[in-house]
Protein backbone atom coordinates (compact mmCIF):
# COMPACT_ATOMS: atom_id res chain seq x y z
CA MET A 1 51.50 -18.60 4.78
CA LYS A 2 51.85 -18.31 8.57
CA ASN A 3 51.71 -14.51 8.56
CA ALA A 4 49.07 -14.19 5.85
CA LEU A 5 45.89 -12.31 6.76
CA GLN A 6 42.62 -14.08 5.97
CA LEU A 7 40.88 -12.18 3.17
CA ILE A 8 37.17 -12.88 2.76
CA PHE A 9 34.87 -11.80 -0.06
CA THR A 10 31.37 -11.69 1.40
CA GLY A 11 27.88 -11.41 -0.07
CA TYR A 12 27.74 -14.81 -1.77
CA ASN A 13 27.52 -18.22 -0.08
CA GLN A 14 27.02 -16.01 2.96
CA ARG A 15 26.03 -18.72 5.42
CA ALA A 16 29.29 -20.60 4.83
CA VAL A 17 31.25 -17.34 5.05
CA ILE A 18 29.61 -16.49 8.39
CA ALA A 19 30.49 -19.94 9.76
CA PHE A 20 34.11 -19.39 8.66
CA ILE A 21 34.27 -15.93 10.26
CA ARG A 22 32.89 -17.36 13.51
CA THR A 23 35.72 -19.89 13.47
CA LEU A 24 38.30 -17.16 12.93
CA SER A 25 36.81 -15.08 15.74
CA LYS A 26 36.76 -18.03 18.16
CA ASN A 27 40.44 -18.65 17.47
CA ASN A 28 41.39 -14.94 17.62
CA ILE A 29 42.61 -15.00 14.02
CA PRO A 30 42.57 -11.57 12.32
CA PHE A 31 40.77 -11.17 9.01
CA ALA A 32 39.73 -8.56 6.48
CA ILE A 33 36.46 -8.42 4.54
CA ILE A 34 35.69 -7.08 1.07
CA ALA A 35 31.91 -6.72 0.81
CA LYS A 36 30.03 -7.30 -2.44
CA SER A 37 28.07 -4.03 -2.23
CA LYS A 38 26.54 -1.56 0.19
CA ASP A 39 23.60 -3.92 0.70
CA ASP A 40 25.81 -6.88 1.67
CA THR A 41 24.23 -8.39 4.80
CA ILE A 42 27.67 -8.63 6.42
CA LEU A 43 27.22 -4.91 7.15
CA GLN A 44 24.29 -5.86 9.40
CA SER A 45 26.48 -8.19 11.46
CA SER A 46 28.98 -7.75 14.28
CA TYR A 47 31.73 -8.12 11.67
CA LYS A 48 31.02 -4.87 9.83
CA SER A 49 34.06 -3.27 11.49
CA SER A 50 36.24 -5.77 9.60
CA VAL A 51 34.94 -4.57 6.21
CA TYR A 52 37.82 -2.63 4.69
CA SER A 53 36.46 -2.20 1.19
CA ILE A 54 33.21 -2.49 -0.78
CA ARG A 55 33.12 -3.59 -4.39
CA LYS A 56 31.81 -1.14 -6.97
CA LYS A 57 30.65 -3.79 -9.44
CA LYS A 58 28.49 -6.87 -9.01
CA GLU A 59 30.48 -8.84 -11.58
CA LEU A 60 34.02 -9.98 -10.82
CA ASP A 61 35.98 -7.22 -12.51
CA MET A 62 39.76 -7.39 -12.12
CA VAL A 63 40.26 -3.62 -11.87
CA ASP A 64 37.54 -3.34 -9.22
CA ILE A 65 38.91 -6.31 -7.25
CA VAL A 66 42.49 -4.96 -7.38
CA ASN A 67 41.30 -1.56 -6.16
CA CYS A 68 39.52 -3.21 -3.24
CA ILE A 69 42.59 -5.24 -2.32
CA VAL A 70 44.85 -2.19 -2.47
CA GLU A 71 42.39 -0.22 -0.32
CA THR A 72 42.27 -3.09 2.19
CA LYS A 73 46.07 -3.24 2.33
CA LYS A 74 46.36 0.47 3.03
CA LYS A 75 43.76 0.42 5.81
CA ASN A 76 44.90 -2.84 7.37
CA HIS A 77 48.66 -2.50 6.80
CA ALA A 78 48.80 -6.17 5.75
CA ASN A 79 51.39 -7.51 3.30
CA ASN A 80 50.11 -11.01 2.47
CA PHE A 81 46.59 -12.32 2.06
CA LEU A 82 45.20 -15.85 1.95
CA ILE A 83 41.89 -15.68 0.10
CA ALA A 84 39.13 -17.89 1.48
CA PRO A 85 37.77 -20.31 -1.21
CA SER A 86 34.20 -19.28 -0.54
CA THR A 87 32.23 -19.34 -3.81
CA GLU A 88 32.36 -21.08 -7.16
CA ALA A 89 32.46 -17.91 -9.25
CA LEU A 90 35.17 -16.34 -7.09
CA ASN A 91 37.26 -19.52 -7.02
CA ARG A 92 37.28 -19.85 -10.80
CA PHE A 93 38.08 -16.17 -11.16
CA ILE A 94 41.05 -16.50 -8.80
CA ILE A 95 42.33 -19.64 -10.52
CA ASP A 96 42.14 -17.98 -13.94
CA ASN A 97 43.99 -14.92 -12.61
CA ARG A 98 46.28 -16.61 -10.10
CA ASP A 99 49.43 -14.85 -11.35
CA LYS A 100 47.83 -11.41 -11.04
CA PHE A 101 46.68 -12.13 -7.51
CA GLU A 102 50.10 -13.39 -6.49
CA GLU A 103 51.65 -10.16 -7.78
CA LEU A 104 49.53 -8.51 -5.06
CA ASN A 105 50.76 -11.08 -2.51
CA CYS A 106 47.30 -12.66 -2.49
CA TYR A 107 47.41 -16.44 -2.41
CA THR A 108 44.80 -19.14 -2.74
CA PRO A 109 44.50 -22.67 -1.30
CA LEU A 110 42.71 -23.81 -4.46
CA ALA A 111 43.88 -26.72 -6.60
CA GLU A 112 45.32 -26.15 -10.04
CA LYS A 113 42.74 -25.34 -12.72
CA LYS A 114 42.68 -28.80 -14.33
CA ILE A 115 41.97 -30.65 -11.07
CA TYR A 116 39.51 -28.06 -9.76
CA GLU A 117 37.41 -28.18 -12.94
CA LEU A 118 37.62 -31.98 -13.10
CA ILE A 119 35.80 -32.10 -9.76
CA SER A 120 33.55 -29.07 -10.05
CA ASP A 121 32.29 -29.58 -13.62
CA LYS A 122 29.42 -32.00 -13.28
CA TYR A 123 29.99 -34.07 -16.41
CA SER A 124 33.72 -34.63 -15.91
CA PHE A 125 33.30 -35.64 -12.27
CA SER A 126 30.44 -37.96 -13.18
CA GLU A 127 32.69 -39.65 -15.75
CA LEU A 128 35.53 -39.87 -13.23
CA CYS A 129 33.22 -41.57 -10.75
CA VAL A 130 31.93 -44.09 -13.30
CA ASN A 131 35.51 -44.94 -14.27
CA ASN A 132 36.28 -45.60 -10.61
CA GLY A 133 33.35 -47.86 -9.83
CA ILE A 134 31.04 -45.24 -8.28
CA LYS A 135 27.40 -45.25 -9.30
CA VAL A 136 25.79 -42.18 -10.87
CA PRO A 137 22.21 -41.69 -12.11
CA ALA A 138 21.50 -43.26 -15.52
CA LEU A 139 22.75 -41.11 -18.40
CA TYR A 140 20.54 -40.46 -21.43
CA LYS A 141 22.13 -40.09 -24.86
CA SER A 142 20.38 -36.83 -25.63
CA PHE A 143 17.66 -34.42 -24.58
CA LYS A 144 15.29 -36.14 -27.00
CA ASP A 145 15.94 -39.58 -25.46
CA ALA A 146 15.56 -38.44 -21.84
CA LYS A 147 12.60 -40.00 -20.03
CA LEU A 148 10.55 -38.04 -17.52
CA PRO A 149 11.40 -37.20 -14.83
CA PHE A 150 15.03 -36.27 -15.48
CA VAL A 151 17.65 -33.66 -14.65
CA ALA A 152 19.49 -31.45 -17.13
CA LYS A 153 22.97 -30.65 -15.83
CA PRO A 154 25.44 -28.21 -17.39
CA ILE A 155 28.39 -29.98 -18.97
CA LYS A 156 30.73 -27.10 -18.12
CA TYR A 157 30.44 -24.24 -15.64
CA PHE A 158 30.26 -21.76 -18.53
CA SER A 159 27.95 -22.36 -21.49
CA LYS A 160 29.02 -21.71 -25.08
CA LYS A 161 27.73 -18.15 -24.65
CA GLY A 162 29.68 -17.69 -21.43
CA GLU A 163 26.60 -17.96 -19.23
CA VAL A 164 26.41 -19.87 -15.94
CA ASN A 165 23.59 -22.40 -15.81
CA SER A 166 22.28 -24.39 -12.85
CA PRO A 167 20.86 -27.93 -13.06
CA VAL A 168 17.24 -27.97 -14.22
CA LEU A 169 14.72 -30.47 -12.91
CA ILE A 170 12.35 -31.58 -15.67
CA LEU A 171 9.26 -33.33 -14.31
CA SER A 172 6.66 -32.83 -17.03
CA VAL A 173 6.15 -32.36 -20.76
CA LYS A 174 5.59 -28.66 -20.06
CA ASP A 175 8.96 -28.47 -18.27
CA LYS A 176 10.60 -30.13 -21.26
CA ILE A 177 9.08 -27.61 -23.68
CA ASN A 178 10.08 -24.67 -21.48
CA PHE A 179 13.63 -25.96 -21.21
CA LYS A 180 13.95 -26.30 -24.97
CA THR A 181 12.88 -22.69 -25.52
CA LYS A 182 15.13 -21.26 -22.79
CA TYR A 183 18.40 -23.20 -23.14
CA ASP A 184 20.77 -24.64 -25.72
CA ALA A 185 20.37 -28.39 -25.22
CA GLU A 186 24.00 -28.98 -26.22
CA ASP A 187 25.20 -27.13 -23.10
CA PHE A 188 23.73 -29.89 -20.92
CA PHE A 189 23.81 -33.61 -20.29
CA TYR A 190 20.79 -35.56 -19.06
CA GLN A 191 20.43 -37.94 -16.15
CA GLU A 192 17.67 -39.93 -14.52
CA PHE A 193 16.05 -38.06 -11.61
CA VAL A 194 16.92 -40.06 -8.49
CA THR A 195 14.96 -39.67 -5.25
CA GLY A 196 15.81 -40.95 -1.80
CA LYS A 197 17.79 -40.02 1.28
CA SER A 198 19.89 -36.89 0.69
CA LEU A 199 23.40 -37.00 2.12
CA TYR A 200 26.57 -34.92 2.00
CA LEU A 201 30.00 -36.47 2.43
CA LEU A 202 32.31 -33.76 3.76
CA TYR A 203 36.10 -33.84 3.42
CA TYR A 204 39.23 -31.85 3.99
CA PHE A 205 42.35 -33.38 2.44
CA HIS A 206 45.30 -31.91 4.32
CA ARG A 207 48.59 -31.46 2.46
CA ASN A 208 50.36 -33.49 5.16
CA GLY A 209 48.33 -36.54 4.09
CA LEU A 210 45.74 -36.48 6.86
CA LEU A 211 42.06 -36.76 6.00
CA PHE A 212 39.27 -35.07 7.94
CA LYS A 213 35.78 -36.33 7.17
CA TYR A 214 32.20 -35.97 8.36
CA SER A 215 28.69 -36.20 6.90
CA GLN A 216 25.21 -34.79 7.12
CA GLU A 217 21.70 -35.86 6.22
CA ASN A 218 19.60 -33.19 4.54
CA ILE A 219 16.04 -32.98 5.82
CA THR A 220 14.62 -30.22 3.65
CA GLN A 221 15.87 -27.77 1.04
CA GLN A 222 14.68 -25.10 -1.34
CA PRO A 223 13.05 -26.44 -4.54
CA ASP A 224 14.96 -27.09 -7.77
CA GLY A 225 18.01 -28.32 -5.88
CA LYS A 226 18.78 -24.94 -4.31
CA SER A 227 20.05 -24.27 -0.78
CA ILE A 228 19.70 -26.63 2.17
CA ILE A 229 17.23 -25.40 4.78
CA ALA A 230 17.57 -28.09 7.46
CA ALA A 231 20.05 -30.88 8.10
CA VAL A 232 21.41 -33.09 10.87
CA ASN A 233 24.76 -34.74 11.39
CA SER A 234 25.16 -38.30 10.13
CA LYS A 235 27.43 -41.33 10.42
CA PHE A 236 27.42 -41.93 6.66
CA HIS A 237 31.12 -40.99 6.40
CA LEU A 238 31.82 -44.18 8.41
CA ASN A 239 30.10 -46.23 5.69
CA ILE A 240 32.28 -48.17 3.26
CA GLU A 241 30.87 -45.92 0.51
CA SER A 242 33.07 -43.10 1.77
CA LEU A 243 36.22 -45.11 1.07
CA LYS A 244 35.50 -44.98 -2.66
CA TYR A 245 35.66 -41.18 -2.65
CA GLU A 246 38.65 -41.05 -0.32
CA GLN A 247 40.57 -43.27 -2.73
CA LEU A 248 39.35 -41.29 -5.73
CA PHE A 249 40.48 -37.90 -4.43
CA ARG A 250 43.83 -39.29 -3.34
CA LYS A 251 44.25 -40.86 -6.77
CA ILE A 252 44.02 -37.44 -8.45
CA ASN A 253 46.21 -35.86 -5.73
CA TYR A 254 43.53 -33.49 -4.53
CA ASN A 255 44.03 -31.36 -1.42
CA GLY A 256 41.52 -29.03 0.21
CA PHE A 257 37.77 -28.85 0.83
CA VAL A 258 35.30 -31.00 -1.05
CA MET A 259 31.67 -31.96 -0.51
CA VAL A 260 30.03 -34.84 -2.37
CA GLU A 261 26.24 -34.97 -2.65
CA ILE A 262 24.76 -38.47 -2.51
CA LYS A 263 21.24 -39.76 -3.05
CA ARG A 264 20.60 -43.08 -1.34
CA GLN A 265 17.75 -45.01 -2.97
CA THR A 266 16.96 -48.01 -0.74
CA THR A 267 20.47 -49.57 -0.54
CA THR A 268 22.02 -47.98 -3.64
CA ASN A 269 24.08 -44.79 -3.43
CA TYR A 270 24.27 -42.38 -6.39
CA MET A 271 26.75 -39.54 -6.75
CA ILE A 272 24.91 -36.33 -7.67
CA GLU A 273 27.68 -33.69 -7.72
CA ALA A 274 30.78 -32.47 -5.91
CA ASN A 275 31.86 -29.00 -4.75
CA PRO A 276 35.58 -28.31 -4.03
CA ARG A 277 34.97 -25.23 -1.88
CA PHE A 278 33.06 -24.00 1.17
CA TRP A 279 29.52 -25.39 1.32
CA GLY A 280 26.43 -23.54 2.55
CA PRO A 281 25.45 -25.50 5.71
CA SER A 282 28.99 -25.29 7.15
CA GLN A 283 27.63 -24.17 10.51
CA LEU A 284 26.61 -27.79 11.07
CA PHE A 285 30.20 -29.05 11.29
CA VAL A 286 31.24 -25.97 13.29
CA ASP A 287 28.50 -26.65 15.86
CA SER A 288 29.41 -30.36 15.82
CA ASP A 289 33.02 -29.58 16.83
CA LYS A 290 34.23 -31.22 13.63
CA ASN A 291 35.62 -28.03 12.22
CA PHE A 292 37.04 -28.36 8.69
CA PHE A 293 37.92 -24.67 8.73
CA GLU A 294 40.40 -25.37 11.53
CA ALA A 295 41.96 -28.16 9.49
CA TYR A 296 42.38 -25.70 6.63
CA LEU A 297 43.85 -23.02 8.92
CA HIS A 298 46.34 -25.54 10.28
CA ASP A 299 47.21 -26.67 6.76
CA TYR A 300 48.29 -23.11 5.89
CA GLY A 301 50.15 -22.40 9.12
CA ILE A 302 47.54 -20.12 10.69
CA LEU A 303 46.70 -22.52 13.55
CA SER A 304 49.40 -24.47 15.36
CA GLU A 305 47.17 -27.35 16.47
CA LEU A 306 45.07 -29.71 14.40
CA PRO A 307 41.36 -29.98 15.19
CA ASP A 308 40.33 -33.11 17.09
CA PHE A 309 37.81 -35.13 15.08
CA SER A 310 38.02 -38.13 17.44
CA ARG A 311 35.57 -36.73 20.00
CA ARG A 312 32.27 -38.53 20.32
CA ASP A 313 29.58 -37.17 18.02
CA LYS A 314 26.83 -35.06 19.49
CA SER A 315 23.43 -34.61 17.91
CA THR A 316 23.55 -31.40 15.88
CA ARG A 317 21.04 -29.54 13.73
CA TYR A 318 21.45 -26.96 11.02
CA PHE A 319 18.59 -24.63 10.11
CA TRP A 320 18.00 -21.57 7.95
CA LEU A 321 14.59 -20.03 8.60
CA GLY A 322 15.17 -17.28 6.03
CA GLY A 323 15.60 -19.89 3.30
CA MET A 324 12.29 -21.50 4.23
CA LEU A 325 10.41 -18.19 4.41
CA ASN A 326 11.80 -17.03 1.05
CA THR A 327 10.58 -20.25 -0.51
CA TYR A 328 7.05 -19.67 0.75
CA LYS A 329 7.18 -16.00 -0.28
CA ASP A 330 8.01 -17.14 -3.83
CA GLY A 331 4.83 -19.23 -3.86
CA LYS A 332 6.74 -22.51 -3.69
CA ASN A 333 7.19 -25.29 -1.15
CA PRO A 334 10.36 -26.74 0.35
CA VAL A 335 11.38 -30.22 -0.71
CA PHE A 336 11.40 -32.75 2.13
CA HIS A 337 13.91 -35.57 1.85
CA LYS A 338 12.84 -36.99 5.20
CA GLY A 339 9.49 -36.64 6.92
CA ASN A 340 6.86 -34.20 5.74
CA GLU A 341 6.00 -30.52 5.92
CA LYS A 342 3.32 -30.81 8.61
CA ASP A 343 5.52 -32.72 11.08
CA PHE A 344 8.45 -30.42 10.39
CA LEU A 345 6.42 -27.26 11.05
CA LEU A 346 5.07 -28.73 14.29
CA GLU A 347 8.68 -29.04 15.47
CA LEU A 348 9.78 -25.68 14.08
CA HIS A 349 10.45 -24.35 17.59
CA LYS A 350 13.19 -26.97 17.98
CA TRP A 351 14.81 -26.15 14.65
CA ILE A 352 14.84 -22.39 15.25
CA LYS A 353 17.20 -22.91 18.19
CA SER A 354 19.86 -23.90 15.65
CA ASP A 355 19.17 -21.14 13.10
CA ILE A 356 22.31 -19.96 11.32
CA TYR A 357 21.47 -16.27 11.84
CA LYS A 358 19.50 -16.27 15.13
CA ARG A 359 22.69 -15.60 17.07
CA LYS A 360 24.16 -12.57 18.77
CA ASP A 361 26.59 -11.70 15.93
CA THR A 362 23.98 -11.92 13.16
CA VAL A 363 20.64 -11.22 14.85
CA ASN A 364 20.06 -8.19 12.60
CA ILE A 365 20.38 -10.42 9.52
CA PHE A 366 17.89 -12.80 11.14
CA LYS A 367 15.49 -9.91 11.72
CA SER A 368 15.82 -8.67 8.12
CA GLU A 369 14.92 -12.14 6.78
CA ILE A 370 11.77 -12.59 8.84
CA ILE A 371 10.12 -9.19 8.36
């Protein structure tokens, strides 16, 4: 894949995509962008000149995607593409249509379908963890048996009707009634709602056998388990807990990106979910000089040198002001895993210095989110 051009679909998981593009730019690696639509925020950035095609449809339609790839090839004169594994929907679409993409000389670093879904589907990965001695939140037999507060998690990525559901936090009797009227209870499984320190274990399993790892502590995020707003780097990956996951992923012969969300309640660690793809707050590891993107680019022959993860850690923050403002605009409040809202807002001036978009290449996106 040494001569493959990096092909990036933008518009979804945009913060991770921006962090990846910054890595490519720093390393002088050429890339091509296919934007989701004419209102894709990538067109407000310094990277708009690398947009070679814009999708006509919001949904992932094979004819539309093929047309965009063909248009990009003509304009860029590229023969081979390596598609960045940026979003869950895109990744599953590529895996399901891998043969068609390869006919277009478009390749993916994603695992085979069986392994990818084993990790990404919340129920199957939870079972895998339990069978390998990793704690998960208590499982209830059914919706009826679940005790408040609890979390309803989709068993599979697609429901029986082909819809994509997110986890639903159920804190009250009213929430339980609303859930019952909105969803098919058989599409979900039900776990105890665990509170505590919020941590991400971050990994890249290189095909040469090397492991790159790091971690972050999440300070605040959007409600209902949505996007992370603020985080700091952590030493949790040096904890013995990390070894359990390292052994688990090696056991199933997994290669590539994966993030594992952990809740630490006093001294007990619970696995919440795993994502075998780019993750939203990726700018944190880029700014920390622990760049998983560079490990990936080396893995596929794009970079000749491996990134150096042995350098001493420096204190790093990740922040997304737009995510916080959107939460308030929706009449909701961010969830604080550490500290409280008042203290955080009093130190907002420090966090803004690390904002994902308040940078020269994306300052117009930053402006659009605050006005």
